[in-house]
Amino acid sequence: MPARLFLRIVTGGVALLPWRALAPLGALLGWLAGSVLRIRRRAVVSAMTRAGIPEASRAATAMYANLGAGIFELLWLSGSRSERRAQALREHVILDDDLRTMDDVLGLDGVPLTEGDRVRAPA
């Protein structure tokens, strides 16, 4: 199976889920990566301890859960239709009050972003 087709199937499948399901799935993925497979777990806890973060092991667990949720959110955003994506961004993404429009970035109407942060797609 070509990689693009596989990615379309995964993003399309994740996009069928409700937004509220992404955080628990991300926590599960984070638990698998950080606690079961222990991917860079020792290095993460060590770095957090050196940085003076209290309860570094617990903070690392939360970090892995947040990373997992972020992965599912990106997959969801990639696979969802623009109307659903716009609604999710309005409801779940917190932006500063002084921001204006994000149209140039995501092609959405009414989602704020500062003028200096506008991104132009290559021609």
C-alpha atoms as a PDB file:
ATOM      1  CA  MET A   1       0.000   0.000   0.000  1.00  0.00           C
ATOM      2  CA  PRO A   2       1.489   3.354  -0.986  1.00  0.00           C
ATOM      3  CA  ALA A   3       2.288   5.705   1.877  1.00  0.00           C
ATOM      4  CA  ARG A   4      -0.091   8.433   0.664  1.00  0.00           C
ATOM      5  CA  LEU A   5      -3.024   6.051   0.534  1.00  0.00           C
ATOM      6  CA  PHE A   6      -2.208   4.752   4.011  1.00  0.00           C
ATOM      7  CA  LEU A   7      -1.997   8.309   5.354  1.00  0.00           C
ATOM      8  CA  ARG A   8      -5.339   9.222   3.747  1.00  0.00           C
ATOM      9  CA  ILE A   9      -6.972   6.176   5.337  1.00  0.00           C
ATOM     10  CA  VAL A  10      -5.534   7.025   8.775  1.00  0.00           C
ATOM     11  CA  THR A  11      -6.425  10.735   8.643  1.00  0.00           C
ATOM     12  CA  GLY A  12      -9.868   9.972   7.250  1.00  0.00           C
ATOM     13  CA  GLY A  13     -10.507   7.425   9.992  1.00  0.00           C
ATOM     14  CA  VAL A  14      -9.358   9.773  12.750  1.00  0.00           C
ATOM     15  CA  ALA A  15     -11.466  12.594  11.253  1.00  0.00           C
ATOM     16  CA  LEU A  16     -14.589  10.469  11.782  1.00  0.00           C
ATOM     17  CA  LEU A  17     -14.033  10.648  15.549  1.00  0.00           C
ATOM     18  CA  PRO A  18     -15.536  13.406  17.666  1.00  0.00           C
ATOM     19  CA  TRP A  19     -12.978  15.993  18.836  1.00  0.00           C
ATOM     20  CA  ARG A  20     -13.520  14.999  22.478  1.00  0.00           C
ATOM     21  CA  ALA A  21     -12.217  11.480  21.717  1.00  0.00           C
ATOM     22  CA  LEU A  22      -8.792  12.763  20.668  1.00  0.00           C
ATOM     23  CA  ALA A  23      -7.406  13.547  24.141  1.00  0.00           C
ATOM     24  CA  PRO A  24      -8.107  10.068  25.598  1.00  0.00           C
ATOM     25  CA  LEU A  25      -6.660   8.414  22.482  1.00  0.00           C
ATOM     26  CA  GLY A  26      -3.640  10.702  22.724  1.00  0.00           C
ATOM     27  CA  ALA A  27      -3.186   9.800  26.385  1.00  0.00           C
ATOM     28  CA  LEU A  28      -3.247   6.126  25.406  1.00  0.00           C
ATOM     29  CA  LEU A  29      -0.657   6.738  22.676  1.00  0.00           C
ATOM     30  CA  GLY A  30       1.463   8.745  25.129  1.00  0.00           C
ATOM     31  CA  TRP A  31       1.244   5.980  27.723  1.00  0.00           C
ATOM     32  CA  LEU A  32       2.313   3.433  25.108  1.00  0.00           C
ATOM     33  CA  ALA A  33       5.260   5.555  23.891  1.00  0.00           C
ATOM     34  CA  GLY A  34       6.378   6.912  27.267  1.00  0.00           C
ATOM     35  CA  SER A  35       5.598   4.145  29.738  1.00  0.00           C
ATOM     36  CA  VAL A  36       5.433   0.868  27.836  1.00  0.00           C
ATOM     37  CA  LEU A  37       7.981   1.438  25.054  1.00  0.00           C
ATOM     38  CA  ARG A  38       9.793   4.059  27.188  1.00  0.00           C
ATOM     39  CA  ILE A  39      10.859   6.060  24.132  1.00  0.00           C
ATOM     40  CA  ARG A  40      13.501   8.490  25.460  1.00  0.00           C
ATOM     41  CA  ARG A  41      11.775   8.333  28.865  1.00  0.00           C
ATOM     42  CA  ARG A  42      15.001   8.345  30.886  1.00  0.00           C
ATOM     43  CA  ALA A  43      16.370  11.321  28.937  1.00  0.00           C
ATOM     44  CA  VAL A  44      13.098  13.254  29.304  1.00  0.00           C
ATOM     45  CA  VAL A  45      12.839  12.704  33.059  1.00  0.00           C
ATOM     46  CA  SER A  46      16.525  13.542  33.490  1.00  0.00           C
ATOM     47  CA  ALA A  47      16.180  16.786  31.517  1.00  0.00           C
ATOM     48  CA  MET A  48      13.061  17.783  33.459  1.00  0.00           C
ATOM     49  CA  THR A  49      14.815  17.071  36.754  1.00  0.00           C
ATOM     50  CA  ARG A  50      17.801  19.209  35.726  1.00  0.00           C
ATOM     51  CA  ALA A  51      15.387  21.970  34.701  1.00  0.00           C
ATOM     52  CA  GLY A  52      13.942  21.938  38.207  1.00  0.00           C
ATOM     53  CA  ILE A  53      10.498  20.698  37.242  1.00  0.00           C
ATOM     54  CA  PRO A  54       8.853  19.210  40.335  1.00  0.00           C
ATOM     55  CA  GLU A  55       7.751  15.584  40.058  1.00  0.00           C
ATOM     56  CA  ALA A  56       9.589  15.142  36.765  1.00  0.00           C
ATOM     57  CA  SER A  57       8.328  11.618  36.195  1.00  0.00           C
ATOM     58  CA  ARG A  58       4.728  12.720  36.554  1.00  0.00           C
ATOM     59  CA  ALA A  59       5.334  15.768  34.344  1.00  0.00           C
ATOM     60  CA  ALA A  60       6.895  13.502  31.696  1.00  0.00           C
ATOM     61  CA  THR A  61       3.799  11.296  31.724  1.00  0.00           C
ATOM     62  CA  ALA A  62       1.616  14.371  31.167  1.00  0.00           C
ATOM     63  CA  MET A  63       3.956  15.570  28.414  1.00  0.00           C
ATOM     64  CA  TYR A  64       3.704  12.237  26.564  1.00  0.00           C
ATOM     65  CA  ALA A  65      -0.113  12.370  26.870  1.00  0.00           C
ATOM     66  CA  ASN A  66      -0.152  15.913  25.453  1.00  0.00           C
ATOM     67  CA  LEU A  67       2.114  14.912  22.578  1.00  0.00           C
ATOM     68  CA  GLY A  68      -0.164  11.977  21.802  1.00  0.00           C
ATOM     69  CA  ALA A  69      -3.217  14.247  21.843  1.00  0.00           C
ATOM     70  CA  GLY A  70      -1.412  16.657  19.528  1.00  0.00           C
ATOM     71  CA  ILE A  71      -0.724  13.858  17.068  1.00  0.00           C
ATOM     72  CA  PHE A  72      -4.388  12.866  17.000  1.00  0.00           C
ATOM     73  CA  GLU A  73      -5.459  16.512  16.653  1.00  0.00           C
ATOM     74  CA  LEU A  74      -3.171  16.978  13.646  1.00  0.00           C
ATOM     75  CA  LEU A  75      -4.449  13.767  12.053  1.00  0.00           C
ATOM     76  CA  TRP A  76      -8.030  14.894  12.701  1.00  0.00           C
ATOM     77  CA  LEU A  77      -7.395  18.336  11.222  1.00  0.00           C
ATOM     78  CA  SER A  78      -5.697  16.785   8.184  1.00  0.00           C
ATOM     79  CA  GLY A  79      -8.551  14.418   7.464  1.00  0.00           C
ATOM     80  CA  SER A  80     -11.576  16.555   8.297  1.00  0.00           C
ATOM     81  CA  ARG A  81     -13.564  18.738   5.933  1.00  0.00           C
ATOM     82  CA  SER A  82     -12.988  22.494   6.027  1.00  0.00           C
ATOM     83  CA  GLU A  83     -16.364  23.301   7.660  1.00  0.00           C
ATOM     84  CA  ARG A  84     -15.784  20.814  10.465  1.00  0.00           C
ATOM     85  CA  ARG A  85     -12.180  21.993  10.842  1.00  0.00           C
ATOM     86  CA  ALA A  86     -13.290  25.623  11.115  1.00  0.00           C
ATOM     87  CA  GLN A  87     -15.885  24.741  13.746  1.00  0.00           C
ATOM     88  CA  ALA A  88     -13.363  22.762  15.802  1.00  0.00           C
ATOM     89  CA  LEU A  89     -10.836  25.589  15.660  1.00  0.00           C
ATOM     90  CA  ARG A  90     -13.449  28.124  16.768  1.00  0.00           C
ATOM     91  CA  GLU A  91     -14.575  25.904  19.642  1.00  0.00           C
ATOM     92  CA  HIS A  92     -11.309  24.397  20.853  1.00  0.00           C
ATOM     93  CA  VAL A  93      -8.368  26.608  19.888  1.00  0.00           C
ATOM     94  CA  ILE A  94      -7.631  29.553  22.165  1.00  0.00           C
ATOM     95  CA  LEU A  95      -6.145  32.567  20.410  1.00  0.00           C
ATOM     96  CA  ASP A  96      -5.181  36.011  21.729  1.00  0.00           C
ATOM     97  CA  ASP A  97      -7.820  38.764  21.723  1.00  0.00           C
ATOM     98  CA  ASP A  98      -5.742  41.028  19.466  1.00  0.00           C
ATOM     99  CA  LEU A  99      -5.637  38.536  16.618  1.00  0.00           C
ATOM    100  CA  ARG A 100      -7.524  39.062  13.369  1.00  0.00           C
ATOM    101  CA  THR A 101      -7.959  36.512  10.598  1.00  0.00           C
ATOM    102  CA  MET A 102      -6.429  33.161   9.743  1.00  0.00           C
ATOM    103  CA  ASP A 103      -7.819  32.969   6.203  1.00  0.00           C
ATOM    104  CA  ASP A 104      -4.403  32.980   4.524  1.00  0.00           C
ATOM    105  CA  VAL A 105      -3.145  30.140   6.702  1.00  0.00           C
ATOM    106  CA  LEU A 106      -6.029  27.670   6.734  1.00  0.00           C
ATOM    107  CA  GLY A 107      -8.538  29.128   4.322  1.00  0.00           C
ATOM    108  CA  LEU A 108     -11.077  29.668   7.100  1.00  0.00           C
ATOM    109  CA  ASP A 109     -13.424  32.598   7.664  1.00  0.00           C
ATOM    110  CA  GLY A 110     -13.516  34.424  10.969  1.00  0.00           C
ATOM    111  CA  VAL A 111     -10.638  32.693  12.785  1.00  0.00           C
ATOM    112  CA  PRO A 112      -8.264  35.370  14.199  1.00  0.00           C
ATOM    113  CA  LEU A 113      -4.534  35.765  13.557  1.00  0.00           C
ATOM    114  CA  THR A 114      -2.282  38.835  13.664  1.00  0.00           C
ATOM    115  CA  GLU A 115      -1.266  40.518  10.425  1.00  0.00           C
ATOM    116  CA  GLY A 116       2.420  39.810  11.139  1.00  0.00           C
ATOM    117  CA  ASP A 117       1.725  36.084  11.448  1.00  0.00           C
ATOM    118  CA  ARG A 118       0.066  35.694   8.057  1.00  0.00           C
ATOM    119  CA  VAL A 119       1.616  32.978   5.968  1.00  0.00           C
ATOM    120  CA  ARG A 120       1.546  33.000   2.171  1.00  0.00           C
ATOM    121  CA  ALA A 121       1.457  29.698   0.342  1.00  0.00           C
ATOM    122  CA  PRO A 122       4.129  29.338  -2.337  1.00  0.00           C
ATOM    123  CA  ALA A 123       2.850  30.223  -5.809  1.00  0.00           C
END
